[in-house]
Amino acid sequence: MRSDIAKLVICVAIDVIDFTVISWIPGAGLVIDLINTLVAVLLFGPIGLIALWEAANLAEPIDAFVPTMTLLAVTQLGKAKKKAGAPELPRG
């Protein structure tokens, strides 16, 4: 569970930096989006390729408004909880 929270913190930080700094640097958007996709794949596996949609959008400030990395982390956090299953209640 701690590793999931760490991934969430990393993803939120990446999205905040993408929105506040990177999206306003001309020409850096595509490179940063590809790096973000690499980080997403390293953190979440093949599902991280979803982050590639940001590279397809050439209007960088627009895709910065969608926190893709954070959304991926939250969906995977919920998936990990489902895998763990609900705890058994004691009977009797």
C-alpha atoms as a PDB file:
ATOM      1  CA  MET A   1       0.000   0.000   0.000  1.00  0.00           C
ATOM      2  CA  ARG A   2       2.850   2.408   0.744  1.00  0.00           C
ATOM      3  CA  SER A   3       4.292   1.904  -2.717  1.00  0.00           C
ATOM      4  CA  ASP A   4       0.912   2.838  -4.200  1.00  0.00           C
ATOM      5  CA  ILE A   5       0.857   6.056  -2.182  1.00  0.00           C
ATOM      6  CA  ALA A   6       4.444   6.800  -3.264  1.00  0.00           C
ATOM      7  CA  LYS A   7       3.439   6.312  -6.906  1.00  0.00           C
ATOM      8  CA  LEU A   8       0.492   8.647  -6.391  1.00  0.00           C
ATOM      9  CA  VAL A   9       2.735  11.333  -4.880  1.00  0.00           C
ATOM     10  CA  ILE A  10       5.211  11.000  -7.772  1.00  0.00           C
ATOM     11  CA  CYS A  11       2.417  11.283 -10.329  1.00  0.00           C
ATOM     12  CA  VAL A  12       0.839  14.316  -8.658  1.00  0.00           C
ATOM     13  CA  ALA A  13       4.247  16.022  -8.580  1.00  0.00           C
ATOM     14  CA  ILE A  14       4.811  15.291 -12.281  1.00  0.00           C
ATOM     15  CA  ASP A  15       1.378  16.669 -13.191  1.00  0.00           C
ATOM     16  CA  VAL A  16       1.869  19.819 -11.119  1.00  0.00           C
ATOM     17  CA  ILE A  17       5.246  20.462 -12.748  1.00  0.00           C
ATOM     18  CA  ASP A  18       3.751  19.758 -16.181  1.00  0.00           C
ATOM     19  CA  PHE A  19       0.961  22.255 -15.576  1.00  0.00           C
ATOM     20  CA  THR A  20       2.942  25.025 -13.927  1.00  0.00           C
ATOM     21  CA  VAL A  21       6.337  24.994 -15.635  1.00  0.00           C
ATOM     22  CA  ILE A  22       6.688  22.676 -18.586  1.00  0.00           C
ATOM     23  CA  SER A  23       3.517  23.597 -20.479  1.00  0.00           C
ATOM     24  CA  TRP A  24       4.731  27.162 -20.936  1.00  0.00           C
ATOM     25  CA  ILE A  25       8.173  26.315 -22.369  1.00  0.00           C
ATOM     26  CA  PRO A  26       7.915  26.316 -26.175  1.00  0.00           C
ATOM     27  CA  GLY A  27       9.099  23.089 -27.761  1.00  0.00           C
ATOM     28  CA  ALA A  28       9.663  21.189 -24.521  1.00  0.00           C
ATOM     29  CA  GLY A  29       6.172  19.732 -24.378  1.00  0.00           C
ATOM     30  CA  LEU A  30       6.645  16.770 -26.700  1.00  0.00           C
ATOM     31  CA  VAL A  31       9.905  15.675 -25.092  1.00  0.00           C
ATOM     32  CA  ILE A  32       8.447  15.954 -21.592  1.00  0.00           C
ATOM     33  CA  ASP A  33       5.299  14.057 -22.638  1.00  0.00           C
ATOM     34  CA  LEU A  34       7.455  11.199 -23.940  1.00  0.00           C
ATOM     35  CA  ILE A  35       9.465  11.171 -20.695  1.00  0.00           C
ATOM     36  CA  ASN A  36       6.210  11.159 -18.711  1.00  0.00           C
ATOM     37  CA  THR A  37       5.033   8.169 -20.743  1.00  0.00           C
ATOM     38  CA  LEU A  38       8.269   6.330 -19.974  1.00  0.00           C
ATOM     39  CA  VAL A  39       7.823   7.054 -16.257  1.00  0.00           C
ATOM     40  CA  ALA A  40       4.191   5.889 -16.431  1.00  0.00           C
ATOM     41  CA  VAL A  41       5.213   2.603 -18.073  1.00  0.00           C
ATOM     42  CA  LEU A  42       7.921   2.072 -15.449  1.00  0.00           C
ATOM     43  CA  LEU A  43       5.446   2.716 -12.631  1.00  0.00           C
ATOM     44  CA  PHE A  44       2.348   0.934 -13.960  1.00  0.00           C
ATOM     45  CA  GLY A  45       3.410  -1.360 -16.786  1.00  0.00           C
ATOM     46  CA  PRO A  46       1.754  -1.348 -20.223  1.00  0.00           C
ATOM     47  CA  ILE A  47      -1.279   0.586 -18.946  1.00  0.00           C
ATOM     48  CA  GLY A  48       1.101   3.545 -18.648  1.00  0.00           C
ATOM     49  CA  LEU A  49       1.049   3.866 -22.440  1.00  0.00           C
ATOM     50  CA  ILE A  50      -2.220   5.744 -21.969  1.00  0.00           C
ATOM     51  CA  ALA A  51      -0.031   8.752 -21.153  1.00  0.00           C
ATOM     52  CA  LEU A  52       0.971   8.864 -24.837  1.00  0.00           C
ATOM     53  CA  TRP A  53      -2.232  10.740 -25.641  1.00  0.00           C
ATOM     54  CA  GLU A  54      -0.546  13.891 -24.316  1.00  0.00           C
ATOM     55  CA  ALA A  55       2.165  13.616 -26.974  1.00  0.00           C
ATOM     56  CA  ALA A  56      -0.491  13.513 -29.708  1.00  0.00           C
ATOM     57  CA  ASN A  57      -1.829  16.903 -28.641  1.00  0.00           C
ATOM     58  CA  LEU A  58       0.371  19.652 -30.034  1.00  0.00           C
ATOM     59  CA  ALA A  59      -1.369  22.402 -28.042  1.00  0.00           C
ATOM     60  CA  GLU A  60       0.666  21.789 -24.882  1.00  0.00           C
ATOM     61  CA  PRO A  61      -1.240  24.014 -22.424  1.00  0.00           C
ATOM     62  CA  ILE A  62      -4.467  22.137 -23.190  1.00  0.00           C
ATOM     63  CA  ASP A  63      -3.235  18.664 -22.211  1.00  0.00           C
ATOM     64  CA  ALA A  64      -1.684  20.045 -19.040  1.00  0.00           C
ATOM     65  CA  PHE A  65      -5.196  20.587 -17.663  1.00  0.00           C
ATOM     66  CA  VAL A  66      -5.809  16.820 -17.631  1.00  0.00           C
ATOM     67  CA  PRO A  67      -3.724  15.201 -14.877  1.00  0.00           C
ATOM     68  CA  THR A  68      -3.075  11.975 -16.777  1.00  0.00           C
ATOM     69  CA  MET A  69      -0.386  10.632 -14.441  1.00  0.00           C
ATOM     70  CA  THR A  70      -2.522  11.293 -11.360  1.00  0.00           C
ATOM     71  CA  LEU A  71      -5.541   9.642 -12.964  1.00  0.00           C
ATOM     72  CA  LEU A  72      -3.444   6.577 -13.793  1.00  0.00           C
ATOM     73  CA  ALA A  73      -2.171   6.387 -10.214  1.00  0.00           C
ATOM     74  CA  VAL A  74      -5.666   6.682  -8.747  1.00  0.00           C
ATOM     75  CA  THR A  75      -7.061   3.979 -11.035  1.00  0.00           C
ATOM     76  CA  GLN A  76      -4.213   1.641 -10.175  1.00  0.00           C
ATOM     77  CA  LEU A  77      -4.658   2.400  -6.466  1.00  0.00           C
ATOM     78  CA  GLY A  78      -8.247   1.233  -6.714  1.00  0.00           C
ATOM     79  CA  LYS A  79      -7.154  -1.835  -8.668  1.00  0.00           C
ATOM     80  CA  ALA A  80      -4.688  -2.815  -5.934  1.00  0.00           C
ATOM     81  CA  LYS A  81      -7.429  -2.535  -3.324  1.00  0.00           C
ATOM     82  CA  LYS A  82      -9.697  -4.795  -5.384  1.00  0.00           C
ATOM     83  CA  LYS A  83      -6.912  -7.376  -5.757  1.00  0.00           C
ATOM     84  CA  ALA A  84      -6.330  -7.431  -2.020  1.00  0.00           C
ATOM     85  CA  GLY A  85     -10.010  -8.154  -1.475  1.00  0.00           C
ATOM     86  CA  ALA A  86     -12.168  -7.296   1.465  1.00  0.00           C
ATOM     87  CA  PRO A  87     -10.949  -8.567   4.830  1.00  0.00           C
ATOM     88  CA  GLU A  88     -12.805 -11.486   6.333  1.00  0.00           C
ATOM     89  CA  LEU A  89     -14.998 -10.686   9.293  1.00  0.00           C
ATOM     90  CA  PRO A  90     -14.700 -13.030  12.267  1.00  0.00           C
ATOM     91  CA  ARG A  91     -17.651 -15.372  12.621  1.00  0.00           C
ATOM     92  CA  GLY A  92     -19.297 -16.443  15.753  1.00  0.00           C
END
